[in-house]
Amino acid sequence: MTSRTPRDSRLRLVRNRPMATARRPAVNRGSRPAPRPPEGTPPPAELARRARAGLTGAVAIAHWAAAEHGAPGALSDEAAARAAAALGLSEPEVRSDWDRARLIGLIEHHAGTTRPGWRLQAWDRDDSAVLRGWVALLDAWSLACPAPAAAEPTAVAEVVEAVPQLLSLLQLSAGPMQISALLDMLRQRVAELRTERCEVPQDAARLQDATEPQETAQGAGSAGSPDDIEDTATLEGLLDWVLDALSSVGALTVREEPQEGPDGPQSAGSAADEAKGDSREAELSALGNWAVWVKLEQICVAAQSPAGNIEQPAPDMLRGCAGLTPGPARAEYRAWLAARPVGSAVTELIEAARGDDALLRGLAFEALRVVGAPAEPAVRAVVDESCLRPYALLWLAEHEGADPDEALDALTREEATWLWVDTAAAISDHGESPLLVRHLESAVQGTVPALLEEVQAVGHPRTVQVLVALAAAHPDPALAKAVRRAAFQVHTGGA
């Protein structure tokens, strides 16, 4: 039999559409009135003014780098000395401002050099760009102010993971909190994290639960074990680091607790705190209060999702977002990110992208686009991994200002072909046959024979399955036969 379908094997080249936006059905999540910020929160223009005032050093070093016409990507001693002389700063101040400018997105690394970021160009006229840059710095506070060199890495990671809860507690308290209360909260959260990792034996946990009421009845005067004392001292030191770091980025202030008089209640409270060893108190700044409120609102929005994606690990969260349109999906990503430290969130997303599911690979990098500048080091670190390279190069191109429709120019023909096969694998696993047929139109090759030849050569592990699925889905028998032949050649290793 002969086909009545015209057998034109040429491919019609159209603008490439991301698979996620092409196939997601609209989801009605209901209307929700825009939440109002807490009473007393300054308007966005005032918040942006305060953010600009706190980041003048980062802006100055970014302008200096722009005037250098290609400053080195890593600030060398010689470049730091030149910047210090030009700006009237010390070299440590220059390096601190340089790191902040990178984290905010005022400068970007490209091909071994540094160039102005788009946020620098919008800094003086776009309040929202300023606020997003400041929030990016807040998210990366532990990178802006690294932990003490002597600190144990596991303890540092635990404290960093506990900081979002401390910030939430400060925001919900709507006022200053004693440092001793924050230390108690930190100790409790770290214990929960260790229990979640099963670091506390069940027998020991049951024994602890049984003895806690007795210890409470006996009062706080009993001495702890040497391990408890050492752990408390470690947490006290790391809490001081956290408070110093958050203060340096403008998120909170730390001061001595005021005292009214020798016989007043304030004085009694201070005496109790002094007995614990710390009479200070911390309070969120206007910027910090607003930023934490925004994150809590994002969490509340996600909590209304029937899937409950916010509590899921990255792979399950991405699967839960697969059926959403881009806008709601980004809202889910933001909420999921707001509920965990940015460093561990990025690591989770990268690990999800390394898996066998091509759909999760694409969605993971969509979520990393929401992360923005803090994800750049991790994305650059995976550029040499074959399964992640095309996604990472596209992410970096868009992060450096390329239009999403033109970002494919950052890929070689081989990388673009690998990405085409990977996307086809995702469609084959999760999409419908007509979408797989339409995916042919997004190939960079001009004809089916050229596409098949390069697909066979690219070495993608899912090549055979993709070609078999495409042959089964395509309505043209002749083209389907050619695709099946290519699949057989790849399967048998023939030419």
Protein backbone atom coordinates (compact mmCIF):
# COMPACT_ATOMS: atom_id res chain seq x y z
CA MET A 1 0.00 0.00 0.00
CA THR A 2 1.06 3.53 -0.57
CA SER A 3 0.44 6.45 1.74
CA ARG A 4 -1.77 9.27 0.61
CA THR A 5 0.09 11.60 2.93
CA PRO A 6 2.65 13.78 1.10
CA ARG A 7 6.11 12.43 1.90
CA ASP A 8 7.98 15.70 2.29
CA SER A 9 10.81 14.79 4.61
CA ARG A 10 11.87 18.39 5.19
CA LEU A 11 11.41 19.73 8.68
CA ARG A 12 9.64 23.02 9.16
CA LEU A 13 11.84 25.17 11.39
CA VAL A 14 9.88 27.06 14.01
CA ARG A 15 10.83 28.89 17.16
CA ASN A 16 11.70 26.39 19.86
CA ARG A 17 9.09 26.17 22.62
CA PRO A 18 10.06 24.80 26.02
CA MET A 19 8.38 21.47 26.54
CA ALA A 20 7.06 22.43 29.94
CA THR A 21 5.16 25.42 28.58
CA ALA A 22 3.93 23.52 25.54
CA ARG A 23 2.26 20.69 27.33
CA ARG A 24 1.08 21.89 30.71
CA PRO A 25 -2.66 22.18 31.09
CA ALA A 26 -4.01 25.21 32.86
CA VAL A 27 -4.76 24.68 36.51
CA ASN A 28 -7.39 26.75 38.28
CA ARG A 29 -6.01 27.46 41.73
CA GLY A 30 -8.79 29.81 42.71
CA SER A 31 -8.62 33.49 43.45
CA ARG A 32 -6.82 34.80 46.51
CA PRO A 33 -6.72 38.48 47.44
CA ALA A 34 -3.30 40.02 47.45
CA PRO A 35 -1.97 39.86 51.02
CA ARG A 36 -1.09 43.08 52.81
CA PRO A 37 2.33 43.40 54.42
CA PRO A 38 2.51 43.73 58.20
CA GLU A 39 1.39 47.03 59.68
CA GLY A 40 4.19 49.54 59.74
CA THR A 41 6.05 48.07 56.74
CA PRO A 42 7.45 50.91 54.63
CA PRO A 43 6.27 51.15 50.99
CA PRO A 44 8.39 49.42 48.32
CA ALA A 45 10.03 52.68 47.27
CA GLU A 46 11.29 53.29 50.81
CA LEU A 47 12.43 49.67 51.18
CA ALA A 48 14.34 49.98 47.90
CA ARG A 49 15.93 53.23 49.10
CA ARG A 50 17.15 51.50 52.25
CA ALA A 51 18.48 48.56 50.22
CA ARG A 52 20.39 50.95 47.93
CA ALA A 53 21.82 52.75 50.97
CA GLY A 54 23.14 49.49 52.39
CA LEU A 55 24.67 48.30 49.14
CA THR A 56 26.56 51.37 47.95
CA GLY A 57 29.87 49.53 48.23
CA ALA A 58 28.70 46.66 46.02
CA VAL A 59 27.36 49.15 43.45
CA ALA A 60 30.63 51.09 43.49
CA ILE A 61 32.77 47.99 42.86
CA ALA A 62 30.37 46.95 40.08
CA HIS A 63 30.79 50.32 38.36
CA TRP A 64 34.56 50.01 38.80
CA ALA A 65 34.47 46.58 37.15
CA ALA A 66 32.37 47.98 34.29
CA ALA A 67 34.93 50.75 33.74
CA GLU A 68 37.71 48.16 33.63
CA HIS A 69 36.16 46.71 30.43
CA GLY A 70 36.61 43.09 31.36
CA ALA A 71 37.93 42.76 34.88
CA PRO A 72 39.16 39.28 35.78
CA GLY A 73 36.47 36.85 36.88
CA ALA A 74 38.37 36.13 40.10
CA LEU A 75 39.58 39.27 41.88
CA SER A 76 43.37 38.98 41.90
CA ASP A 77 45.55 40.72 44.47
CA GLU A 78 46.66 43.22 41.85
CA ALA A 79 43.07 44.00 40.79
CA ALA A 80 41.97 44.29 44.40
CA ALA A 81 44.79 46.77 45.07
CA ARG A 82 43.79 48.87 42.04
CA ALA A 83 40.13 48.84 43.11
CA ALA A 84 41.08 49.80 46.67
CA ALA A 85 43.13 52.75 45.43
CA ALA A 86 40.37 53.87 43.06
CA LEU A 87 37.57 53.60 45.62
CA GLY A 88 39.45 54.63 48.75
CA LEU A 89 38.82 51.33 50.53
CA SER A 90 40.89 48.60 52.12
CA GLU A 91 41.45 45.39 50.19
CA PRO A 92 39.25 43.30 52.56
CA GLU A 93 36.44 45.81 52.02
CA VAL A 94 36.92 45.56 48.26
CA ARG A 95 36.72 41.77 48.35
CA SER A 96 33.62 41.85 50.53
CA ASP A 97 31.89 44.30 48.19
CA TRP A 98 32.99 42.23 45.19
CA ASP A 99 31.43 39.08 46.60
CA ARG A 100 28.21 40.93 47.35
CA ALA A 101 28.04 42.44 43.89
CA ARG A 102 28.29 38.93 42.44
CA LEU A 103 25.62 37.52 44.74
CA ILE A 104 23.24 40.41 44.01
CA GLY A 105 23.73 40.10 40.25
CA LEU A 106 25.38 43.50 39.73
CA ILE A 107 28.31 41.78 38.03
CA GLU A 108 28.41 38.53 36.09
CA HIS A 109 31.22 36.21 35.06
CA HIS A 110 31.49 35.31 31.41
CA ALA A 111 34.35 33.55 29.62
CA GLY A 112 36.83 34.30 32.39
CA THR A 113 36.00 38.00 32.66
CA THR A 114 33.53 40.08 34.63
CA ARG A 115 30.93 42.31 33.03
CA PRO A 116 28.04 44.44 34.35
CA GLY A 117 24.86 42.52 35.10
CA TRP A 118 21.45 43.67 33.94
CA ARG A 119 20.56 44.54 37.54
CA LEU A 120 23.30 47.20 37.60
CA GLN A 121 21.74 48.88 34.59
CA ALA A 122 18.32 48.91 36.30
CA TRP A 123 19.60 49.74 39.78
CA ASP A 124 18.74 53.46 39.87
CA ARG A 125 15.33 53.22 38.21
CA ASP A 126 13.78 49.84 39.09
CA ASP A 127 12.82 49.40 42.75
CA SER A 128 11.72 45.81 42.23
CA ALA A 129 15.12 44.88 40.76
CA VAL A 130 16.80 46.40 43.82
CA LEU A 131 14.58 44.49 46.24
CA ARG A 132 15.08 41.20 44.37
CA GLY A 133 18.83 41.79 44.48
CA TRP A 134 18.72 42.41 48.22
CA VAL A 135 16.64 39.27 48.80
CA ALA A 136 19.20 37.31 46.75
CA LEU A 137 21.89 38.60 49.11
CA LEU A 138 19.80 37.62 52.13
CA ASP A 139 19.31 34.13 50.70
CA ALA A 140 23.08 33.84 50.28
CA TRP A 141 24.00 35.32 53.69
CA SER A 142 26.26 32.38 54.57
CA LEU A 143 28.23 32.96 51.36
CA ALA A 144 28.51 36.70 51.92
CA CYS A 145 29.85 36.07 55.44
CA PRO A 146 31.52 32.64 55.54
CA ALA A 147 31.52 30.63 58.75
CA PRO A 148 34.56 30.71 61.05
CA ALA A 149 37.36 28.55 59.70
CA ALA A 150 37.53 26.53 62.91
CA ALA A 151 33.83 25.63 62.84
CA GLU A 152 32.92 22.00 62.18
CA PRO A 153 31.25 21.76 58.72
CA THR A 154 28.39 19.52 59.88
CA ALA A 155 27.48 21.91 62.69
CA VAL A 156 27.62 24.84 60.27
CA ALA A 157 25.29 23.04 57.85
CA GLU A 158 22.82 22.30 60.65
CA VAL A 159 22.76 25.91 61.79
CA VAL A 160 22.34 27.24 58.25
CA GLU A 161 19.39 24.90 57.78
CA ALA A 162 17.84 26.14 61.04
CA VAL A 163 18.13 29.86 60.24
CA PRO A 164 14.83 30.13 58.27
CA GLN A 165 12.98 29.01 61.42
CA LEU A 166 14.81 31.61 63.50
CA LEU A 167 13.93 34.34 61.02
CA SER A 168 10.30 33.22 60.97
CA LEU A 169 10.20 33.35 64.77
CA LEU A 170 11.63 36.87 64.73
CA GLN A 171 9.09 37.99 62.14
CA LEU A 172 6.12 36.47 63.93
CA SER A 173 7.20 37.97 67.25
CA ALA A 174 6.81 41.46 65.71
CA GLY A 175 9.47 42.86 68.02
CA PRO A 176 12.82 42.20 69.67
CA MET A 177 13.67 38.76 71.02
CA GLN A 178 16.25 37.81 73.59
CA ILE A 179 19.30 36.02 72.23
CA SER A 180 18.84 33.34 74.88
CA ALA A 181 15.41 32.52 73.40
CA LEU A 182 16.90 32.32 69.92
CA LEU A 183 19.60 29.98 71.25
CA ASP A 184 16.94 27.72 72.76
CA MET A 185 15.10 27.68 69.45
CA LEU A 186 18.32 26.92 67.56
CA ARG A 187 19.19 24.08 69.93
CA GLN A 188 15.70 22.60 69.50
CA ARG A 189 15.77 22.85 65.72
CA VAL A 190 19.23 21.28 65.45
CA ALA A 191 18.05 18.40 67.65
CA GLU A 192 15.06 17.91 65.32
CA LEU A 193 17.34 17.85 62.28
CA ARG A 194 19.57 15.24 63.89
CA THR A 195 16.55 13.13 64.80
CA GLU A 196 15.25 13.35 61.22
CA ARG A 197 18.60 11.99 60.08
CA CYS A 198 18.30 9.19 62.64
CA GLU A 199 21.43 10.32 64.44
CA VAL A 200 19.74 9.74 67.83
CA PRO A 201 19.24 6.01 68.66
CA GLN A 202 15.65 5.11 69.41
CA ASP A 203 16.49 3.72 72.84
CA ALA A 204 18.31 6.91 73.74
CA ALA A 205 15.42 9.03 72.42
CA ARG A 206 12.90 7.06 74.52
CA LEU A 207 15.11 7.41 77.58
CA GLN A 208 15.41 11.15 76.95
CA ASP A 209 11.63 11.52 76.60
CA ALA A 210 11.11 9.61 79.86
CA THR A 211 13.58 11.71 81.84
CA GLU A 212 12.58 15.13 80.47
CA PRO A 213 9.61 15.63 82.87
CA GLN A 214 11.79 14.74 85.85
CA GLU A 215 14.48 17.16 84.73
CA THR A 216 11.87 19.87 84.27
CA ALA A 217 10.52 19.29 87.79
CA GLN A 218 13.98 19.47 89.27
CA GLY A 219 14.53 22.86 87.64
CA ALA A 220 17.27 24.27 85.51
CA GLY A 221 19.96 24.06 88.16
CA SER A 222 21.23 20.59 87.28
CA ALA A 223 24.47 20.46 85.35
CA GLY A 224 24.50 19.05 81.84
CA SER A 225 26.84 16.43 80.51
CA PRO A 226 30.19 17.52 79.06
CA ASP A 227 28.93 16.73 75.54
CA ASP A 228 25.86 18.93 76.08
CA ILE A 229 27.99 21.77 77.39
CA GLU A 230 30.34 21.51 74.42
CA ASP A 231 27.41 21.38 71.99
CA THR A 232 25.82 24.44 73.59
CA ALA A 233 29.11 26.35 73.36
CA THR A 234 29.38 25.42 69.68
CA LEU A 235 25.85 26.60 68.97
CA GLU A 236 26.43 29.83 70.88
CA GLY A 237 29.45 30.61 68.72
CA LEU A 238 27.63 29.76 65.50
CA LEU A 239 24.59 31.81 66.56
CA ASP A 240 26.90 34.80 67.03
CA TRP A 241 28.17 34.19 63.49
CA VAL A 242 24.60 34.04 62.16
CA LEU A 243 23.61 37.25 63.90
CA ASP A 244 26.74 39.06 62.70
CA ALA A 245 26.18 37.87 59.13
CA LEU A 246 22.50 38.82 59.05
CA SER A 247 23.34 42.18 60.61
CA SER A 248 26.00 42.83 57.98
CA VAL A 249 23.50 42.33 55.14
CA GLY A 250 20.97 44.59 56.86
CA ALA A 251 18.41 41.97 57.86
CA LEU A 252 18.44 42.55 61.61
CA THR A 253 19.99 44.50 64.48
CA VAL A 254 21.46 43.23 67.74
CA ARG A 255 21.59 45.41 70.83
CA GLU A 256 21.79 45.20 74.61
CA GLU A 257 18.42 44.68 76.31
CA PRO A 258 17.23 47.96 77.88
CA GLN A 259 16.86 48.16 81.65
CA GLU A 260 14.29 50.36 83.37
CA GLY A 261 15.63 50.33 86.89
CA PRO A 262 17.04 48.19 89.70
CA ASP A 263 13.63 47.18 91.05
CA GLY A 264 11.60 47.00 87.81
CA PRO A 265 10.57 43.89 85.90
CA GLN A 266 12.96 44.70 83.11
CA SER A 267 15.84 44.59 85.58
CA ALA A 268 14.72 41.22 86.89
CA GLY A 269 14.51 39.82 83.41
CA SER A 270 17.97 41.13 82.62
CA ALA A 271 19.39 39.50 85.70
CA ALA A 272 17.92 36.18 84.61
CA ASP A 273 19.43 36.59 81.16
CA GLU A 274 22.79 37.54 82.61
CA ALA A 275 22.66 34.31 84.56
CA LYS A 276 22.31 32.54 81.23
CA GLY A 277 25.24 34.57 79.91
CA ASP A 278 23.60 36.86 77.31
CA SER A 279 21.47 39.97 77.83
CA ARG A 280 21.29 40.99 74.17
CA GLU A 281 18.23 41.01 71.96
CA ALA A 282 17.73 40.85 68.19
CA GLU A 283 15.09 42.44 65.98
CA LEU A 284 14.48 42.28 62.25
CA SER A 285 15.03 45.44 60.24
CA ALA A 286 12.25 46.78 58.03
CA LEU A 287 13.88 45.08 55.04
CA GLY A 288 14.37 41.82 56.90
CA ASN A 289 10.82 41.83 58.24
CA TRP A 290 9.41 42.43 54.76
CA ALA A 291 11.59 39.75 53.12
CA VAL A 292 10.70 37.09 55.70
CA TRP A 293 7.02 38.01 55.44
CA VAL A 294 7.18 37.55 51.66
CA LYS A 295 8.71 34.10 52.10
CA LEU A 296 6.10 33.10 54.66
CA GLU A 297 3.35 34.24 52.29
CA GLN A 298 4.86 32.10 49.54
CA ILE A 299 4.81 29.13 51.90
CA CYS A 300 1.16 29.82 52.79
CA VAL A 301 0.23 29.92 49.10
CA ALA A 302 1.96 26.60 48.46
CA ALA A 303 0.38 25.06 51.55
CA GLN A 304 -3.02 25.53 49.88
CA SER A 305 -1.94 23.26 47.03
CA PRO A 306 -3.69 19.87 47.19
CA ALA A 307 -0.37 18.19 46.38
CA GLY A 308 1.43 19.73 49.35
CA ASN A 309 4.58 20.20 47.26
CA ILE A 310 6.36 22.37 49.81
CA GLU A 311 7.09 19.45 52.13
CA GLN A 312 8.28 17.12 49.38
CA PRO A 313 11.86 16.39 48.33
CA ALA A 314 12.93 17.99 45.08
CA PRO A 315 11.99 15.12 42.71
CA ASP A 316 8.47 14.79 44.15
CA MET A 317 8.01 18.56 44.18
CA LEU A 318 9.00 18.78 40.51
CA ARG A 319 6.61 15.98 39.60
CA GLY A 320 3.87 17.78 41.47
CA CYS A 321 4.55 20.94 39.44
CA ALA A 322 4.69 19.15 36.08
CA GLY A 323 1.00 19.74 35.35
CA LEU A 324 1.04 23.47 36.18
CA THR A 325 1.30 26.37 33.81
CA PRO A 326 4.53 28.42 34.12
CA GLY A 327 3.17 31.09 36.49
CA PRO A 328 1.76 28.76 39.17
CA ALA A 329 4.78 26.47 38.78
CA ARG A 330 7.15 29.36 39.54
CA ALA A 331 5.05 30.23 42.59
CA GLU A 332 5.44 26.64 43.80
CA TYR A 333 9.19 26.77 43.18
CA ARG A 334 9.49 30.03 45.15
CA ALA A 335 7.53 28.61 48.06
CA TRP A 336 9.56 25.40 48.10
CA LEU A 337 12.78 27.40 48.01
CA ALA A 338 11.60 29.74 50.76
CA ALA A 339 11.12 26.80 53.11
CA ARG A 340 14.76 25.63 53.01
CA PRO A 341 18.30 27.08 52.84
CA VAL A 342 19.23 28.13 49.32
CA GLY A 343 22.42 26.04 49.28
CA SER A 344 20.75 22.75 50.18
CA ALA A 345 17.82 23.54 47.85
CA VAL A 346 20.16 24.04 44.90
CA THR A 347 21.98 20.81 45.74
CA GLU A 348 18.66 18.94 45.84
CA LEU A 349 17.62 20.33 42.45
CA ILE A 350 20.95 19.45 40.85
CA GLU A 351 20.69 15.89 42.20
CA ALA A 352 17.15 15.61 40.82
CA ALA A 353 18.44 16.77 37.44
CA ARG A 354 21.08 14.03 37.45
CA GLY A 355 18.43 11.32 37.60
CA ASP A 356 17.04 9.21 34.79
CA ASP A 357 13.83 11.23 34.33
CA ALA A 358 14.39 13.79 31.57
CA LEU A 359 11.25 15.68 32.58
CA LEU A 360 12.67 16.35 36.03
CA ARG A 361 15.92 17.48 34.45
CA GLY A 362 14.17 20.27 32.56
CA LEU A 363 11.94 21.24 35.49
CA ALA A 364 14.90 21.31 37.89
CA PHE A 365 16.60 23.95 35.79
CA GLU A 366 13.34 25.89 35.58
CA ALA A 367 13.37 25.94 39.39
CA LEU A 368 17.04 26.99 39.35
CA ARG A 369 16.04 29.97 37.18
CA VAL A 370 13.85 31.07 40.08
CA VAL A 371 16.84 30.76 42.44
CA GLY A 372 18.87 33.13 40.27
CA ALA A 373 22.38 34.31 41.14
CA PRO A 374 22.94 32.12 44.25
CA ALA A 375 22.66 29.05 42.00
CA GLU A 376 25.32 30.20 39.53
CA PRO A 377 28.35 28.48 41.16
CA ALA A 378 26.52 25.14 41.33
CA VAL A 379 25.32 25.42 37.73
CA ARG A 380 28.81 26.26 36.49
CA ALA A 381 30.17 23.26 38.39
CA VAL A 382 28.04 20.83 36.35
CA VAL A 383 28.78 22.23 32.89
CA ASP A 384 31.14 19.34 32.16
CA GLU A 385 28.56 16.66 33.02
CA SER A 386 27.20 15.43 29.70
CA CYS A 387 23.60 14.95 30.82
CA LEU A 388 23.43 18.43 32.38
CA ARG A 389 25.67 20.44 30.04
CA PRO A 390 23.02 21.71 27.58
CA TYR A 391 20.68 22.72 30.40
CA ALA A 392 23.48 24.41 32.33
CA LEU A 393 24.69 26.33 29.27
CA LEU A 394 21.17 27.56 28.54
CA TRP A 395 20.73 28.57 32.19
CA LEU A 396 24.00 30.50 32.18
CA ALA A 397 23.21 32.20 28.86
CA GLU A 398 19.86 33.41 30.16
CA HIS A 399 21.37 34.39 33.51
CA GLU A 400 23.93 36.51 31.64
CA GLY A 401 21.19 38.38 29.80
CA ALA A 402 20.50 36.37 26.65
CA ASP A 403 16.92 36.31 25.38
CA PRO A 404 15.37 32.87 26.07
CA ASP A 405 14.48 32.54 22.38
CA GLU A 406 18.12 33.14 21.41
CA ALA A 407 19.78 31.17 24.21
CA LEU A 408 20.05 28.08 21.99
CA ASP A 409 22.86 29.90 20.19
CA ALA A 410 25.00 29.08 23.23
CA LEU A 411 24.86 25.38 22.30
CA THR A 412 26.85 23.58 19.66
CA ARG A 413 24.92 21.56 17.11
CA GLU A 414 25.80 18.36 18.94
CA GLU A 415 24.62 19.79 22.30
CA ALA A 416 21.39 21.01 20.71
CA THR A 417 20.80 17.54 19.27
CA TRP A 418 21.44 15.91 22.65
CA LEU A 419 18.92 18.31 24.21
CA TRP A 420 16.40 17.47 21.48
CA VAL A 421 16.70 13.75 22.28
CA ASP A 422 16.45 14.38 26.02
CA THR A 423 13.31 16.48 25.57
CA ALA A 424 11.85 13.81 23.29
CA ALA A 425 12.53 11.25 26.02
CA ALA A 426 10.58 13.38 28.49
CA ILE A 427 7.68 13.66 26.04
CA SER A 428 7.78 9.92 25.37
CA ASP A 429 7.61 9.17 29.10
CA HIS A 430 5.07 11.78 30.16
CA GLY A 431 3.44 13.33 27.08
CA GLU A 432 1.19 12.36 24.22
CA SER A 433 2.06 10.99 20.80
CA PRO A 434 0.98 14.09 18.82
CA LEU A 435 3.29 16.23 20.93
CA LEU A 436 6.19 13.90 20.13
CA VAL A 437 5.45 14.27 16.41
CA ARG A 438 5.32 18.07 16.74
CA HIS A 439 8.64 17.94 18.59
CA LEU A 440 10.23 17.16 15.23
CA GLU A 441 9.66 20.77 14.25
CA SER A 442 11.96 22.05 16.98
CA ALA A 443 15.04 20.20 15.68
CA VAL A 444 17.93 22.33 14.46
CA GLN A 445 18.44 20.05 11.44
CA GLY A 446 16.64 20.89 8.21
CA THR A 447 15.64 17.40 7.12
CA VAL A 448 14.67 14.12 8.70
CA PRO A 449 17.71 12.23 7.27
CA ALA A 450 20.06 14.86 8.74
CA LEU A 451 18.29 14.68 12.09
CA LEU A 452 18.45 10.89 12.21
CA GLU A 453 22.12 10.88 11.28
CA GLU A 454 23.06 13.30 14.05
CA VAL A 455 20.76 11.69 16.60
CA GLN A 456 22.51 8.36 16.01
CA ALA A 457 25.90 10.00 16.50
CA VAL A 458 25.11 12.02 19.63
CA GLY A 459 25.19 9.02 21.98
CA HIS A 460 22.19 9.81 24.16
CA PRO A 461 21.28 6.73 26.28
CA ARG A 462 17.59 7.05 25.39
CA THR A 463 18.10 7.33 21.62
CA VAL A 464 16.64 3.93 20.75
CA GLN A 465 13.52 4.37 22.89
CA VAL A 466 12.92 7.86 21.51
CA LEU A 467 13.21 6.73 17.89
CA VAL A 468 10.95 3.73 18.46
CA ALA A 469 8.33 5.93 20.10
CA LEU A 470 8.58 8.49 17.31
CA ALA A 471 8.19 5.80 14.64
CA ALA A 472 5.11 4.45 16.39
CA ALA A 473 3.56 7.91 16.67
CA HIS A 474 4.28 9.37 13.22
CA PRO A 475 1.44 9.10 10.68
CA ASP A 476 3.72 8.89 7.61
CA PRO A 477 4.63 5.22 7.03
CA ALA A 478 7.71 6.04 4.99
CA LEU A 479 9.11 8.41 7.57
CA ALA A 480 8.23 5.98 10.36
CA LYS A 481 10.09 3.22 8.52
CA ALA A 482 13.21 5.40 8.23
CA VAL A 483 13.04 6.18 11.93
CA ARG A 484 12.68 2.51 12.85
CA ARG A 485 15.67 1.69 10.66
CA ALA A 486 17.71 4.33 12.51
CA ALA A 487 16.61 2.89 15.84
CA PHE A 488 17.70 -0.58 14.75
CA GLN A 489 21.09 0.74 13.65
CA VAL A 490 21.66 2.42 16.98
CA HIS A 491 20.53 -0.70 18.84
CA THR A 492 22.84 -3.01 16.93
CA GLY A 493 25.70 -0.54 16.69
CA GLY A 494 25.51 -0.46 12.91
CA ALA A 495 26.21 2.54 10.69
